[in-house]
Amino acid sequence: MQMKGWENSRAMPVLEIETNLLPGQLNKFKKLFAAMKLIDGKAYFPQSEMHGVLLTQSRQVAINRITAHLDIIQQYVFNEGDNMYIKHIGIDNLLDKLAEDNPKKKIQYLAVRAYISACLANNPEVFKDAELRIDKIENQVKDVMAYIRKNALKCVLSGKPFTSSGQCHVHHVEGVSERPDLQAVASNLLPVWNEIHTDYHRWANNSQKMVTRATLKEFARIHGYRTDW
C-alpha cells in the first residue's frame, strides 16, 4: 500500500513511500517529528512519542519496550527533564532487534525504519543544522591552528627553530578521520617542520597506517625525533 508523507511546520516535503503501515500509524509520526531535536546535526526523538515507531497502542507500552532494550540504545540516548531522547541510529538498532525477535512484524518494523530515514533525508532542517555545525567546527579548527602556528618557536619533533611562518605546519596527532572530536582540541595539535609533516603523512600512507599518536611516535623513533611531547 502506498502512503503519503506530510507537510508540517518543519517544512518537510511530501513523500511517496511504499509501506504497509496504516494511516493511523503514520499520523503518529507527525507528533514524533514535531518533537524531534537536532543536536550537532543529529536527530533525536522523544520516547514519549515512540508508540507509532514501535507499533504499540499506547505510549506506556512503547516506553516499557524501550526500557527492556536499553542495553541496545543506551549509548544513543540523553535525558531532558522527564523525557528521554533517542538518536536516530539507536532507533534503527532497536527496530532491527524487534524485527529479529518478532518475524510476524518484521516487514512493519523495517517499513518504519525506512520511513523515518526517508523523512530525515528530505528534511532541510537536518542539513541546515549539520552545515552550521560543520562551519562552526571548521572555524574553531582554523582559530586554534592559527594560534599554535603564531606562538610556535620550534618543531616539537626535531627541535629545529622556525624562521618563517611557512615552515610551521600544525599536525593533528590523532587524525581528523580517526578522531573528529579532537580536531579543534589544542592538546591534539603539534607544530612541526613542514617537510617532516609531509614525510610523516607519506610514510603513514605508504605503510597503510592510521594517523594516531602511536604511529607518530613510531615515525619519530625511526627517524630519531623526540617522542616526549
Protein backbone atom coordinates (compact mmCIF):
# COMPACT_ATOMS: atom_id res chain seq x y z
CA MET A 1 0.00 0.00 0.00
CA GLN A 2 1.35 3.41 -0.93
CA MET A 3 1.21 6.04 1.80
CA LYS A 4 1.99 9.74 1.57
CA GLY A 5 4.13 11.68 3.97
CA TRP A 6 3.09 15.05 5.35
CA GLU A 7 3.85 18.73 5.27
CA ASN A 8 4.28 20.18 8.73
CA SER A 9 5.75 23.21 10.47
CA ARG A 10 9.25 21.89 9.81
CA ALA A 11 8.68 22.39 6.06
CA MET A 12 9.01 18.69 5.37
CA PRO A 13 8.22 17.87 1.73
CA VAL A 14 5.52 15.39 0.75
CA LEU A 15 6.99 11.92 0.29
CA GLU A 16 5.74 8.86 -1.56
CA ILE A 17 6.84 5.70 0.24
CA GLU A 18 5.80 2.10 -0.33
CA THR A 19 4.74 0.73 3.06
CA ASN A 20 2.12 -1.43 4.69
CA LEU A 21 1.78 0.94 7.66
CA LEU A 22 -1.76 2.06 8.38
CA PRO A 23 -2.80 5.75 8.09
CA GLY A 24 -3.37 5.89 11.85
CA GLN A 25 0.16 4.70 12.49
CA LEU A 26 1.64 7.24 10.12
CA ASN A 27 -0.32 10.05 11.75
CA LYS A 28 1.56 9.37 14.99
CA PHE A 29 4.74 10.37 13.17
CA LYS A 30 3.51 13.96 12.94
CA LYS A 31 3.94 14.45 16.68
CA LEU A 32 7.17 12.46 16.64
CA PHE A 33 8.83 14.78 14.12
CA ALA A 34 7.32 17.88 15.73
CA ALA A 35 9.07 16.88 18.97
CA MET A 36 12.36 15.94 17.29
CA LYS A 37 15.52 17.68 18.49
CA LEU A 38 18.56 18.36 16.34
CA ILE A 39 21.86 18.19 18.21
CA ASP A 40 25.13 18.61 16.33
CA GLY A 41 23.33 17.75 13.11
CA LYS A 42 21.86 14.52 14.50
CA ALA A 43 18.16 13.79 15.01
CA TYR A 44 16.89 12.69 18.43
CA PHE A 45 13.34 11.57 19.13
CA PRO A 46 11.47 11.54 22.48
CA GLN A 47 10.45 8.19 23.91
CA SER A 48 7.09 9.73 24.81
CA GLU A 49 6.20 9.77 21.08
CA MET A 50 7.63 6.39 20.15
CA HIS A 51 4.36 4.43 20.20
CA GLY A 52 3.95 4.92 16.44
CA VAL A 53 7.50 3.83 15.73
CA LEU A 54 7.23 0.72 17.89
CA LEU A 55 3.76 -0.20 16.60
CA THR A 56 2.11 -0.12 20.03
CA GLN A 57 -1.34 1.14 21.01
CA SER A 58 -0.12 3.24 23.94
CA ARG A 59 2.82 5.40 24.94
CA GLN A 60 3.42 3.38 28.10
CA VAL A 61 3.76 0.08 26.24
CA ALA A 62 6.31 1.73 23.94
CA ILE A 63 8.23 3.12 26.93
CA ASN A 64 8.23 -0.32 28.53
CA ARG A 65 9.60 -1.82 25.33
CA ILE A 66 12.34 0.81 25.19
CA THR A 67 13.25 0.17 28.83
CA ALA A 68 13.51 -3.56 28.12
CA HIS A 69 16.06 -2.86 25.37
CA LEU A 70 18.15 -0.13 26.99
CA ASP A 71 21.28 -2.23 26.53
CA ILE A 72 20.93 -1.73 22.77
CA ILE A 73 20.29 2.02 22.75
CA GLN A 74 21.88 3.35 25.96
CA GLN A 75 24.83 4.95 24.15
CA TYR A 76 22.43 6.83 21.87
CA VAL A 77 20.19 8.50 24.45
CA PHE A 78 20.14 11.67 26.51
CA ASN A 79 17.69 12.88 29.12
CA GLU A 80 15.99 16.23 29.27
CA GLY A 81 13.65 16.75 32.18
CA ASP A 82 11.38 13.73 32.47
CA ASN A 83 11.83 12.69 28.86
CA MET A 84 14.46 10.53 27.23
CA TYR A 85 15.54 11.24 23.65
CA ILE A 86 16.91 8.55 21.36
CA LYS A 87 19.30 9.20 18.49
CA HIS A 88 18.19 8.06 15.05
CA ILE A 89 20.80 5.28 14.88
CA GLY A 90 19.59 3.99 18.25
CA ILE A 91 16.05 3.72 16.90
CA ASP A 92 17.38 1.84 13.86
CA ASN A 93 19.16 -0.64 16.13
CA LEU A 94 16.05 -1.10 18.26
CA LEU A 95 13.82 -1.70 15.24
CA ASP A 96 16.30 -4.21 13.82
CA LYS A 97 16.24 -6.11 17.11
CA LEU A 98 12.44 -6.06 17.31
CA ALA A 99 12.20 -7.28 13.71
CA GLU A 100 14.57 -10.11 14.52
CA ASP A 101 12.62 -11.10 17.64
CA ASN A 102 9.19 -10.85 16.01
CA PRO A 103 9.24 -12.21 12.43
CA LYS A 104 5.49 -11.60 12.01
CA LYS A 105 6.02 -7.84 12.36
CA LYS A 106 9.41 -7.73 10.64
CA ILE A 107 8.09 -6.03 7.48
CA GLN A 108 6.29 -3.39 9.53
CA TYR A 109 9.32 -2.63 11.70
CA LEU A 110 11.56 -2.33 8.65
CA ALA A 111 8.95 -0.12 6.96
CA VAL A 112 9.03 2.22 9.97
CA ARG A 113 12.82 2.26 9.81
CA ALA A 114 12.78 3.17 6.12
CA TYR A 115 10.06 5.79 6.62
CA ILE A 116 11.99 7.65 9.31
CA SER A 117 15.19 7.58 7.25
CA ALA A 118 13.38 8.90 4.17
CA CYS A 119 11.78 11.72 6.12
CA LEU A 120 15.10 12.74 7.66
CA ALA A 121 16.80 12.62 4.26
CA ASN A 122 14.23 15.09 2.95
CA ASN A 123 14.19 17.36 5.99
CA PRO A 124 16.03 20.61 5.17
CA GLU A 125 16.46 21.47 8.85
CA VAL A 126 18.64 18.40 9.36
CA PHE A 127 21.00 19.52 6.61
CA LYS A 128 20.93 23.14 7.79
CA ASP A 129 21.83 22.15 11.34
CA ALA A 130 24.60 19.86 10.12
CA GLU A 131 26.04 22.57 7.86
CA LEU A 132 26.04 25.08 10.71
CA ARG A 133 27.80 22.56 12.92
CA ILE A 134 30.45 21.90 10.26
CA ASP A 135 31.05 25.63 9.73
CA LYS A 136 31.42 26.14 13.48
CA ILE A 137 33.96 23.33 13.83
CA GLU A 138 35.94 24.48 10.79
CA ASN A 139 36.21 27.98 12.25
CA GLN A 140 37.32 26.56 15.60
CA VAL A 141 39.99 24.48 13.88
CA LYS A 142 41.27 27.48 11.93
CA ASP A 143 41.46 29.61 15.07
CA VAL A 144 43.31 27.08 17.20
CA MET A 145 45.72 26.20 14.38
CA ALA A 146 46.45 29.88 13.75
CA TYR A 147 47.14 30.40 17.46
CA ILE A 148 49.55 27.45 17.63
CA ARG A 149 51.31 28.48 14.42
CA LYS A 150 51.69 32.07 15.66
CA ASN A 151 53.18 31.07 19.01
CA ALA A 152 55.32 28.08 17.95
CA LEU A 153 59.06 28.68 18.17
CA LYS A 154 60.35 25.29 17.08
CA CYS A 155 59.33 21.90 15.71
CA VAL A 156 58.30 19.59 18.56
CA LEU A 157 59.75 16.58 16.74
CA SER A 158 63.12 17.81 15.51
CA GLY A 159 63.64 20.80 17.81
CA LYS A 160 64.54 22.86 14.74
CA PRO A 161 63.52 26.55 15.11
CA PHE A 162 61.02 28.11 12.74
CA THR A 163 62.45 31.09 10.89
CA SER A 164 59.36 31.82 8.78
CA SER A 165 55.64 31.15 9.12
CA GLY A 166 55.57 28.86 6.08
CA GLN A 167 57.92 26.40 7.76
CA CYS A 168 55.45 25.60 10.54
CA HIS A 169 52.73 23.04 9.88
CA VAL A 170 50.18 22.15 12.56
CA HIS A 171 49.68 18.39 12.79
CA HIS A 172 46.69 16.51 14.24
CA VAL A 173 48.22 13.84 16.47
CA GLU A 174 45.02 11.80 16.31
CA GLY A 175 43.90 12.30 12.71
CA VAL A 176 40.66 14.05 11.81
CA SER A 177 39.33 10.86 10.22
CA GLU A 178 40.26 8.80 13.27
CA ARG A 179 39.11 11.24 15.96
CA PRO A 180 36.97 14.04 14.51
CA ASP A 181 36.00 15.03 18.06
CA LEU A 182 39.61 16.14 18.68
CA GLN A 183 40.16 18.17 15.54
CA ALA A 184 39.79 21.53 17.33
CA VAL A 185 41.42 20.47 20.63
CA ALA A 186 44.74 22.25 21.17
CA SER A 187 46.31 19.32 23.05
CA ASN A 188 45.85 17.20 19.91
CA LEU A 189 47.79 19.64 17.72
CA LEU A 190 51.56 19.88 17.34
CA PRO A 191 53.71 22.41 15.45
CA VAL A 192 56.10 20.53 13.19
CA TRP A 193 58.50 21.41 10.39
CA ASN A 194 56.66 21.35 7.03
CA GLU A 195 58.96 18.78 5.41
CA ILE A 196 58.70 16.46 8.41
CA HIS A 197 54.91 16.79 8.33
CA THR A 198 54.84 15.83 4.65
CA ASP A 199 57.24 12.92 5.24
CA TYR A 200 55.13 11.57 8.09
CA HIS A 201 51.90 11.51 6.10
CA ARG A 202 53.68 9.96 3.10
CA TRP A 203 55.15 7.27 5.38
CA ALA A 204 51.80 6.60 7.10
CA ASN A 205 50.03 6.38 3.75
CA ASN A 206 52.61 4.07 2.17
CA SER A 207 52.63 1.89 5.29
CA GLN A 208 48.82 1.88 5.37
CA LYS A 209 48.86 3.15 8.95
CA MET A 210 46.23 5.25 10.68
CA VAL A 211 47.14 8.75 11.83
CA THR A 212 47.41 8.27 15.57
CA ARG A 213 49.68 9.17 18.47
CA ALA A 214 51.17 5.67 18.37
CA THR A 215 52.11 5.86 14.67
CA LEU A 216 53.58 9.35 15.11
CA LYS A 217 55.77 8.07 17.93
CA GLU A 218 56.81 5.12 15.76
CA PHE A 219 57.74 7.52 12.94
CA ALA A 220 59.65 9.70 15.41
CA ARG A 221 61.67 6.76 16.76
CA ILE A 222 62.54 5.57 13.27
CA HIS A 223 63.88 8.99 12.32
CA GLY A 224 65.48 9.88 15.64
CA TYR A 225 62.97 12.61 16.56
CA ARG A 226 61.70 13.45 20.02
CA THR A 227 58.84 11.41 21.48
CA ASP A 228 58.34 13.28 24.78
CA TRP A 229 55.59 15.56 23.57
